[in-house]
């Protein structure tokens, strides 16, 4: 099964941000990406503003972007 995500942000740990100083380093050789989804404790995806929470999901891919293929397997998922 495939999932199509339209927007992700590169995800860096604190120690990794110290090494990636330039724009090139921040946009090349990327394997970890992050996206957020809204949820409520009642199970609904949306609700009143004071009921909403954000779920941060971090995906690790098999190969680093940019890559020859645009579809790469995800090998790890963290929430």
PDB file of N, CA and C in Angstrom:
ATOM      1  N   UNK A   1       0.840  -1.181   0.000  1.00  0.00           N
ATOM      2  CA  UNK A   1       0.000   0.000   0.000  1.00  0.00           C
ATOM      3  C   UNK A   1       0.882   1.240   0.000  1.00  0.00           C
ATOM      4  N   UNK A   2       0.428   2.254  -0.681  1.00  0.00           N
ATOM      5  CA  UNK A   2       1.161   3.509  -0.746  1.00  0.00           C
ATOM      6  C   UNK A   2       0.332   4.610  -0.110  1.00  0.00           C
ATOM      7  N   UNK A   3       1.019   5.563   0.469  1.00  0.00           N
ATOM      8  CA  UNK A   3       0.366   6.743   1.015  1.00  0.00           C
ATOM      9  C   UNK A   3       1.022   7.960   0.365  1.00  0.00           C
ATOM     10  N   UNK A   4       0.205   8.914  -0.022  1.00  0.00           N
ATOM     11  CA  UNK A   4       0.743  10.124  -0.639  1.00  0.00           C
ATOM     12  C   UNK A   4       0.599  11.267   0.344  1.00  0.00           C
ATOM     13  N   UNK A   5       1.720  11.827   0.713  1.00  0.00           N
ATOM     14  CA  UNK A   5       1.748  12.978   1.615  1.00  0.00           C
ATOM     15  C   UNK A   5       2.160  14.179   0.781  1.00  0.00           C
ATOM     16  N   UNK A   6       1.379  15.237   0.840  1.00  0.00           N
ATOM     17  CA  UNK A   6       1.633  16.379  -0.036  1.00  0.00           C
ATOM     18  C   UNK A   6       2.646  17.364   0.533  1.00  0.00           C
ATOM     19  N   UNK A   7       2.876  17.345   1.835  1.00  0.00           N
ATOM     20  CA  UNK A   7       3.817  18.299   2.425  1.00  0.00           C
ATOM     21  C   UNK A   7       4.506  17.684   3.632  1.00  0.00           C
ATOM     22  N   UNK A   8       5.811  17.684   3.626  1.00  0.00           N
ATOM     23  CA  UNK A   8       6.607  17.261   4.774  1.00  0.00           C
ATOM     24  C   UNK A   8       7.719  18.284   4.978  1.00  0.00           C
ATOM     25  N   UNK A   9       8.242  18.310   6.160  1.00  0.00           N
ATOM     26  CA  UNK A   9       9.386  19.163   6.482  1.00  0.00           C
ATOM     27  C   UNK A   9      10.564  18.265   6.829  1.00  0.00           C
ATOM     28  N   UNK A  10      11.769  18.660   6.450  1.00  0.00           N
ATOM     29  CA  UNK A  10      12.930  17.891   6.902  1.00  0.00           C
ATOM     30  C   UNK A  10      12.997  17.925   8.428  1.00  0.00           C
ATOM     31  N   UNK A  11      13.370  16.806   9.023  1.00  0.00           N
ATOM     32  CA  UNK A  11      13.448  16.723  10.480  1.00  0.00           C
ATOM     33  C   UNK A  11      14.903  16.499  10.868  1.00  0.00           C
ATOM     34  N   UNK A  12      15.397  17.334  11.779  1.00  0.00           N
ATOM     35  CA  UNK A  12      16.766  17.230  12.267  1.00  0.00           C
ATOM     36  C   UNK A  12      16.755  17.193  13.789  1.00  0.00           C
ATOM     37  N   UNK A  13      17.587  16.323  14.349  1.00  0.00           N
ATOM     38  CA  UNK A  13      17.813  16.347  15.790  1.00  0.00           C
ATOM     39  C   UNK A  13      18.684  17.548  16.127  1.00  0.00           C
ATOM     40  N   UNK A  14      18.777  17.852  17.417  1.00  0.00           N
ATOM     41  CA  UNK A  14      19.581  19.011  17.845  1.00  0.00           C
ATOM     42  C   UNK A  14      21.044  18.870  17.434  1.00  0.00           C
ATOM     43  N   UNK A  15      21.603  17.671  17.605  1.00  0.00           N
ATOM     44  CA  UNK A  15      23.004  17.481  17.239  1.00  0.00           C
ATOM     45  C   UNK A  15      23.202  17.579  15.727  1.00  0.00           C
ATOM     46  N   UNK A  16      22.180  17.213  14.953  1.00  0.00           N
ATOM     47  CA  UNK A  16      22.278  17.278  13.500  1.00  0.00           C
ATOM     48  C   UNK A  16      22.195  18.722  12.991  1.00  0.00           C
ATOM     49  N   UNK A  17      21.444  19.570  13.673  1.00  0.00           N
ATOM     50  CA  UNK A  17      21.319  20.977  13.272  1.00  0.00           C
ATOM     51  C   UNK A  17      22.649  21.718  13.404  1.00  0.00           C
ATOM     52  N   UNK A  18      23.498  21.285  14.325  1.00  0.00           N
ATOM     53  CA  UNK A  18      24.802  21.926  14.491  1.00  0.00           C
ATOM     54  C   UNK A  18      25.692  21.691  13.272  1.00  0.00           C
ATOM     55  N   UNK A  19      25.513  20.541  12.601  1.00  0.00           N
ATOM     56  CA  UNK A  19      26.334  20.210  11.439  1.00  0.00           C
ATOM     57  C   UNK A  19      25.777  20.768  10.136  1.00  0.00           C
ATOM     58  N   UNK A  20      24.479  21.011  10.073  1.00  0.00           N
ATOM     59  CA  UNK A  20      23.838  21.478   8.839  1.00  0.00           C
ATOM     60  C   UNK A  20      23.616  22.984   8.931  1.00  0.00           C
ATOM     61  N   UNK A  21      24.582  23.745   8.461  1.00  0.00           N
ATOM     62  CA  UNK A  21      24.537  25.195   8.603  1.00  0.00           C
ATOM     63  C   UNK A  21      24.006  25.901   7.357  1.00  0.00           C
ATOM     64  N   UNK A  22      24.366  25.437   6.167  1.00  0.00           N
ATOM     65  CA  UNK A  22      23.977  26.126   4.932  1.00  0.00           C
ATOM     66  C   UNK A  22      22.648  25.580   4.406  1.00  0.00           C
ATOM     67  N   UNK A  23      22.029  26.322   3.481  1.00  0.00           N
ATOM     68  CA  UNK A  23      20.789  25.858   2.863  1.00  0.00           C
ATOM     69  C   UNK A  23      20.995  24.553   2.105  1.00  0.00           C
ATOM     70  N   UNK A  24      22.140  24.410   1.455  1.00  0.00           N
ATOM     71  CA  UNK A  24      22.436  23.169   0.734  1.00  0.00           C
ATOM     72  C   UNK A  24      22.444  21.986   1.688  1.00  0.00           C
ATOM     73  N   UNK A  25      23.116  22.117   2.816  1.00  0.00           N
ATOM     74  CA  UNK A  25      23.191  21.024   3.789  1.00  0.00           C
ATOM     75  C   UNK A  25      21.834  20.707   4.397  1.00  0.00           C
ATOM     76  N   UNK A  26      20.963  21.709   4.507  1.00  0.00           N
ATOM     77  CA  UNK A  26      19.636  21.492   5.071  1.00  0.00           C
ATOM     78  C   UNK A  26      18.657  20.887   4.069  1.00  0.00           C
ATOM     79  N   UNK A  27      19.012  20.865   2.784  1.00  0.00           N
ATOM     80  CA  UNK A  27      18.112  20.350   1.752  1.00  0.00           C
ATOM     81  C   UNK A  27      18.713  19.225   0.919  1.00  0.00           C
ATOM     82  N   UNK A  28      19.797  18.635   1.342  1.00  0.00           N
ATOM     83  CA  UNK A  28      20.455  17.561   0.614  1.00  0.00           C
ATOM     84  C   UNK A  28      20.760  16.429   1.581  1.00  0.00           C
ATOM     85  N   UNK A  29      20.699  15.201   1.082  1.00  0.00           N
ATOM     86  CA  UNK A  29      20.972  14.007   1.889  1.00  0.00           C
ATOM     87  C   UNK A  29      19.994  13.898   3.069  1.00  0.00           C
ATOM     88  N   UNK A  30      18.705  14.002   2.769  1.00  0.00           N
ATOM     89  CA  UNK A  30      17.650  13.966   3.779  1.00  0.00           C
ATOM     90  C   UNK A  30      17.019  12.582   3.851  1.00  0.00           C
ATOM     91  N   UNK A  31      16.927  12.034   5.045  1.00  0.00           N
ATOM     92  CA  UNK A  31      16.286  10.737   5.247  1.00  0.00           C
ATOM     93  C   UNK A  31      15.139  10.804   6.248  1.00  0.00           C
ATOM     94  N   UNK A  32      15.054  11.868   7.013  1.00  0.00           N
ATOM     95  CA  UNK A  32      14.001  11.972   8.028  1.00  0.00           C
ATOM     96  C   UNK A  32      13.126  13.183   7.731  1.00  0.00           C
ATOM     97  N   UNK A  33      11.810  12.938   7.783  1.00  0.00           N
ATOM     98  CA  UNK A  33      10.834  13.968   7.477  1.00  0.00           C
ATOM     99  C   UNK A  33       9.762  13.973   8.546  1.00  0.00           C
ATOM    100  N   UNK A  34       9.104  15.125   8.721  1.00  0.00           N
ATOM    101  CA  UNK A  34       8.103  15.281   9.756  1.00  0.00           C
ATOM    102  C   UNK A  34       6.845  15.920   9.171  1.00  0.00           C
ATOM    103  N   UNK A  35       5.689  15.447   9.638  1.00  0.00           N
ATOM    104  CA  UNK A  35       4.427  16.113   9.330  1.00  0.00           C
ATOM    105  C   UNK A  35       3.540  16.047  10.566  1.00  0.00           C
ATOM    106  N   UNK A  36       2.588  16.974  10.654  1.00  0.00           N
ATOM    107  CA  UNK A  36       1.686  17.015  11.802  1.00  0.00           C
ATOM    108  C   UNK A  36       0.258  16.798  11.339  1.00  0.00           C
ATOM    109  N   UNK A  37      -0.534  16.171  12.203  1.00  0.00           N
ATOM    110  CA  UNK A  37      -1.957  15.964  11.941  1.00  0.00           C
ATOM    111  C   UNK A  37      -2.733  16.366  13.190  1.00  0.00           C
ATOM    112  N   UNK A  38      -3.879  17.009  13.016  1.00  0.00           N
ATOM    113  CA  UNK A  38      -4.688  17.381  14.184  1.00  0.00           C
ATOM    114  C   UNK A  38      -5.499  16.182  14.680  1.00  0.00           C
ATOM    115  N   UNK A  39      -5.780  16.169  15.987  1.00  0.00           N
ATOM    116  CA  UNK A  39      -6.650  15.151  16.560  1.00  0.00           C
ATOM    117  C   UNK A  39      -7.231  15.677  17.863  1.00  0.00           C
ATOM    118  N   UNK A  40      -8.281  15.009  18.330  1.00  0.00           N
ATOM    119  CA  UNK A  40      -8.867  15.316  19.638  1.00  0.00           C
ATOM    120  C   UNK A  40      -8.870  14.045  20.469  1.00  0.00           C
ATOM    121  N   UNK A  41      -8.968  14.176  21.766  1.00  0.00           N
ATOM    122  CA  UNK A  41      -8.972  13.000  22.640  1.00  0.00           C
ATOM    123  C   UNK A  41     -10.235  12.169  22.474  1.00  0.00           C
ATOM    124  N   UNK A  42     -11.305  12.778  21.948  1.00  0.00           N
ATOM    125  CA  UNK A  42     -12.536  12.036  21.730  1.00  0.00           C
ATOM    126  C   UNK A  42     -12.479  11.165  20.482  1.00  0.00           C
ATOM    127  N   UNK A  43     -11.440  11.323  19.663  1.00  0.00           N
ATOM    128  CA  UNK A  43     -11.288  10.498  18.483  1.00  0.00           C
ATOM    129  C   UNK A  43     -11.616  11.202  17.181  1.00  0.00           C
ATOM    130  N   UNK A  44     -12.272  12.339  17.242  1.00  0.00           N
ATOM    131  CA  UNK A  44     -12.571  13.087  16.020  1.00  0.00           C
ATOM    132  C   UNK A  44     -11.299  13.766  15.518  1.00  0.00           C
ATOM    133  N   UNK A  45     -11.157  13.921  14.189  1.00  0.00           N
ATOM    134  CA  UNK A  45      -9.960  14.589  13.684  1.00  0.00           C
ATOM    135  C   UNK A  45      -9.943  16.091  13.961  1.00  0.00           C
ATOM    136  N   UNK A  46     -11.118  16.706  14.063  1.00  0.00           N
ATOM    137  CA  UNK A  46     -11.188  18.148  14.315  1.00  0.00           C
ATOM    138  C   UNK A  46     -12.230  18.411  15.397  1.00  0.00           C
ATOM    139  N   UNK A  47     -12.103  19.567  16.030  1.00  0.00           N
ATOM    140  CA  UNK A  47     -13.038  19.950  17.072  1.00  0.00           C
ATOM    141  C   UNK A  47     -12.815  21.400  17.447  1.00  0.00           C
ATOM    142  N   UNK A  48     -13.308  21.774  18.605  1.00  0.00           N
ATOM    143  CA  UNK A  48     -13.077  23.133  19.104  1.00  0.00           C
ATOM    144  C   UNK A  48     -11.579  23.348  19.313  1.00  0.00           C
ATOM    145  N   UNK A  49     -11.154  24.588  19.222  1.00  0.00           N
ATOM    146  CA  UNK A  49      -9.732  24.905  19.309  1.00  0.00           C
ATOM    147  C   UNK A  49      -9.123  24.457  20.635  1.00  0.00           C
ATOM    148  N   UNK A  50      -9.858  24.587  21.718  1.00  0.00           N
ATOM    149  CA  UNK A  50      -9.302  24.194  23.020  1.00  0.00           C
ATOM    150  C   UNK A  50      -9.262  22.675  23.205  1.00  0.00           C
ATOM    151  N   UNK A  51      -9.880  21.891  22.301  1.00  0.00           N
ATOM    152  CA  UNK A  51      -9.861  20.429  22.372  1.00  0.00           C
ATOM    153  C   UNK A  51      -8.795  19.814  21.470  1.00  0.00           C
ATOM    154  N   UNK A  52      -8.218  20.607  20.568  1.00  0.00           N
ATOM    155  CA  UNK A  52      -7.322  20.054  19.560  1.00  0.00           C
ATOM    156  C   UNK A  52      -5.900  19.873  20.072  1.00  0.00           C
ATOM    157  N   UNK A  53      -5.280  18.833  19.561  1.00  0.00           N
ATOM    158  CA  UNK A  53      -3.872  18.538  19.810  1.00  0.00           C
ATOM    159  C   UNK A  53      -3.223  18.282  18.461  1.00  0.00           C
ATOM    160  N   UNK A  54      -1.885  18.310  18.424  1.00  0.00           N
ATOM    161  CA  UNK A  54      -1.151  17.999  17.204  1.00  0.00           C
ATOM    162  C   UNK A  54      -0.367  16.720  17.415  1.00  0.00           C
ATOM    163  N   UNK A  55      -0.432  15.848  16.436  1.00  0.00           N
ATOM    164  CA  UNK A  55       0.358  14.620  16.454  1.00  0.00           C
ATOM    165  C   UNK A  55       1.499  14.808  15.463  1.00  0.00           C
ATOM    166  N   UNK A  56       2.722  14.734  15.946  1.00  0.00           N
ATOM    167  CA  UNK A  56       3.895  14.888  15.100  1.00  0.00           C
ATOM    168  C   UNK A  56       4.382  13.495  14.707  1.00  0.00           C
ATOM    169  N   UNK A  57       4.472  13.243  13.403  1.00  0.00           N
ATOM    170  CA  UNK A  57       4.925  11.959  12.884  1.00  0.00           C
ATOM    171  C   UNK A  57       6.241  12.164  12.158  1.00  0.00           C
ATOM    172  N   UNK A  58       7.230  11.338  12.501  1.00  0.00           N
ATOM    173  CA  UNK A  58       8.557  11.414  11.888  1.00  0.00           C
ATOM    174  C   UNK A  58       8.766  10.141  11.081  1.00  0.00           C
ATOM    175  N   UNK A  59       9.067  10.306   9.793  1.00  0.00           N
ATOM    176  CA  UNK A  59       9.297   9.189   8.886  1.00  0.00           C
ATOM    177  C   UNK A  59      10.771   9.128   8.512  1.00  0.00           C
ATOM    178  N   UNK A  60      11.332   7.920   8.495  1.00  0.00           N
ATOM    179  CA  UNK A  60      12.695   7.698   8.041  1.00  0.00           C
ATOM    180  C   UNK A  60      12.625   6.853   6.775  1.00  0.00           C
ATOM    181  N   UNK A  61      13.281   7.318   5.709  1.00  0.00           N
ATOM    182  CA  UNK A  61      13.233   6.620   4.427  1.00  0.00           C
ATOM    183  C   UNK A  61      14.459   5.724   4.240  1.00  0.00           C
ATOM    184  N   UNK A  62      14.313   4.778   3.306  1.00  0.00           N
ATOM    185  CA  UNK A  62      15.388   3.825   3.037  1.00  0.00           C
ATOM    186  C   UNK A  62      16.591   4.511   2.379  1.00  0.00           C
ATOM    187  N   UNK A  63      16.320   5.425   1.464  1.00  0.00           N
ATOM    188  CA  UNK A  63      17.380   6.150   0.763  1.00  0.00           C
ATOM    189  C   UNK A  63      17.231   7.640   1.051  1.00  0.00           C
ATOM    190  N   UNK A  64      18.297   8.374   0.877  1.00  0.00           N
ATOM    191  CA  UNK A  64      18.279   9.816   1.135  1.00  0.00           C
ATOM    192  C   UNK A  64      17.774  10.577  -0.083  1.00  0.00           C
ATOM    193  N   UNK A  65      17.038  11.652   0.163  1.00  0.00           N
ATOM    194  CA  UNK A  65      16.612  12.545  -0.911  1.00  0.00           C
ATOM    195  C   UNK A  65      17.689  13.581  -1.148  1.00  0.00           C
ATOM    196  N   UNK A  66      17.868  14.124  -2.297  1.00  0.00           N
ATOM    197  CA  UNK A  66      17.234  13.739  -3.544  1.00  0.00           C
ATOM    198  C   UNK A  66      17.749  12.380  -4.006  1.00  0.00           C
ATOM    199  N   UNK A  67      16.874  11.641  -4.672  1.00  0.00           N
ATOM    200  CA  UNK A  67      17.168  10.286  -5.124  1.00  0.00           C
ATOM    201  C   UNK A  67      16.643  10.143  -6.541  1.00  0.00           C
ATOM    202  N   UNK A  68      17.076   9.131  -7.235  1.00  0.00           N
ATOM    203  CA  UNK A  68      16.648   8.917  -8.614  1.00  0.00           C
ATOM    204  C   UNK A  68      15.135   8.735  -8.680  1.00  0.00           C
ATOM    205  N   UNK A  69      14.580   7.964  -7.751  1.00  0.00           N
ATOM    206  CA  UNK A  69      13.143   7.720  -7.730  1.00  0.00           C
ATOM    207  C   UNK A  69      12.469   8.719  -6.797  1.00  0.00           C
ATOM    208  N   UNK A  70      11.221   9.025  -7.079  1.00  0.00           N
ATOM    209  CA  UNK A  70      10.472   9.928  -6.203  1.00  0.00           C
ATOM    210  C   UNK A  70       9.687   9.164  -5.151  1.00  0.00           C
ATOM    211  N   UNK A  71       9.543   7.854  -5.315  1.00  0.00           N
ATOM    212  CA  UNK A  71       8.823   7.027  -4.343  1.00  0.00           C
ATOM    213  C   UNK A  71       9.832   6.133  -3.634  1.00  0.00           C
ATOM    214  N   UNK A  72      10.015   6.357  -2.336  1.00  0.00           N
ATOM    215  CA  UNK A  72      11.009   5.617  -1.557  1.00  0.00           C
ATOM    216  C   UNK A  72      10.326   4.971  -0.364  1.00  0.00           C
ATOM    217  N   UNK A  73      10.753   3.763  -0.023  1.00  0.00           N
ATOM    218  CA  UNK A  73      10.165   3.044   1.112  1.00  0.00           C
ATOM    219  C   UNK A  73      10.468   3.737   2.430  1.00  0.00           C
ATOM    220  N   UNK A  74       9.469   3.738   3.300  1.00  0.00           N
ATOM    221  CA  UNK A  74       9.633   4.232   4.663  1.00  0.00           C
ATOM    222  C   UNK A  74      10.022   3.048   5.528  1.00  0.00           C
ATOM    223  N   UNK A  75      11.129   3.173   6.259  1.00  0.00           N
ATOM    224  CA  UNK A  75      11.602   2.056   7.071  1.00  0.00           C
ATOM    225  C   UNK A  75      11.293   2.223   8.552  1.00  0.00           C
ATOM    226  N   UNK A  76      10.947   3.456   8.978  1.00  0.00           N
ATOM    227  CA  UNK A  76      10.629   3.684  10.387  1.00  0.00           C
ATOM    228  C   UNK A  76       9.638   4.828  10.503  1.00  0.00           C
ATOM    229  N   UNK A  77       8.726   4.669  11.463  1.00  0.00           N
ATOM    230  CA  UNK A  77       7.704   5.693  11.726  1.00  0.00           C
ATOM    231  C   UNK A  77       7.646   5.910  13.240  1.00  0.00           C
ATOM    232  N   UNK A  78       7.761   7.185  13.659  1.00  0.00           N
ATOM    233  CA  UNK A  78       7.674   7.543  15.070  1.00  0.00           C
ATOM    234  C   UNK A  78       6.559   8.577  15.244  1.00  0.00           C
ATOM    235  N   UNK A  79       5.829   8.491  16.323  1.00  0.00           N
ATOM    236  CA  UNK A  79       4.798   9.504  16.626  1.00  0.00           C
ATOM    237  C   UNK A  79       5.114  10.194  17.922  1.00  0.00           C
TER     238      UNK A  79
END
